[in-house]
Amino acid sequence: MFSMIANTLALASIAAAGTGISITPHDQYSSSVGVLGCKINTNRVAYWPQQPGCNSVCVKVTANGRSLNLLQVDTSGGAYDISYDAWNWLSTGQNATALPTMGGGIPAEYESVPMDECKDLMKDDKLPLMAAHSINYYVGCPAGSWVHENSQLWNIQNSVCTLGYNELCTLDLAISNQPSCPHMLGDQSTLAGQPVYNVAYGTGKESLALQ
C-alpha cells in the first residue's frame, strides 16, 4: 500500500512540474514570428510544435535534475527542439562550446512561466520583432497581453539580422497597421554589426549565421 501511495505521489509531482516531452537539439537559429536573434540569447530558445502565444513565450524545461528558462519563438514540425547549447547543458551540465556531445531525445518536462523569468534572455527586457514581417503576430496579440505591451518593432528584415537598419519603429494602430521607421520600412540594405552565432551540432564551434 505504501508503495502504491508513493508511486501516486510521484506521478502527481511530475504532472505538477510540467508536461512530459522529449527534447532534441536545434543548431540553426530561426523564428517563425520574427524575433530578432541579435537581440536575444539564441542559445536559450525553444522550437515547439505550437505557435508562440501572447501572454508568455517563456518556458521552463527540466531534465536530469537541471532546469533552464527558454524563449519559445519558433514552431517545429512536431518535435520539441531547443537550442543545441541548451540541450547539451540539460544533458551533461556543460555548455556545447566547452564539451559538445551528440544524441537524440532527452526525457524532460516543461511548463509555461511568467515572462519575468526570461527577461535576462532579451536585451532591454523587450521582445524584439521585425517591424515589416512580425506585424500579424504583434497585432494578433490583444492590448493588455504581454507581447502587445512589451515588444519592440525593429526595421530589420530577417531573424539573423543581416538586412535592414538597426533602428526602432513606431506603430499607431489608430492611424495605420504599418509601422513608421526612420528609413523605409522593409529596406533590404546590408546590415552589419548585429551578429547572430550558431553553435554547430557535435563540434560546439560557433559560426556566423548568414541567412
Foldseek 3Di string as FASTA:
>chain_A
DVVVVVVVVVVVVQVVAAAKFWEFEDFADAFPLAFAQLFFPQQAAKAAQDAQDFQFQWKWKAAPRDIDIHGHGHHDPHHTYHHQQVVQCNVPVDGCLVPADDDGIGIIGMDTDGLVRRQVGGPVSAGEGAQVRNLVVQVVRDPPHCNVVGHWYALAAGRQRQFGDGWTWDDDVVVPSHTHTPDDRPHGHTDPDRWHWTQDHPRRDIDTDDD
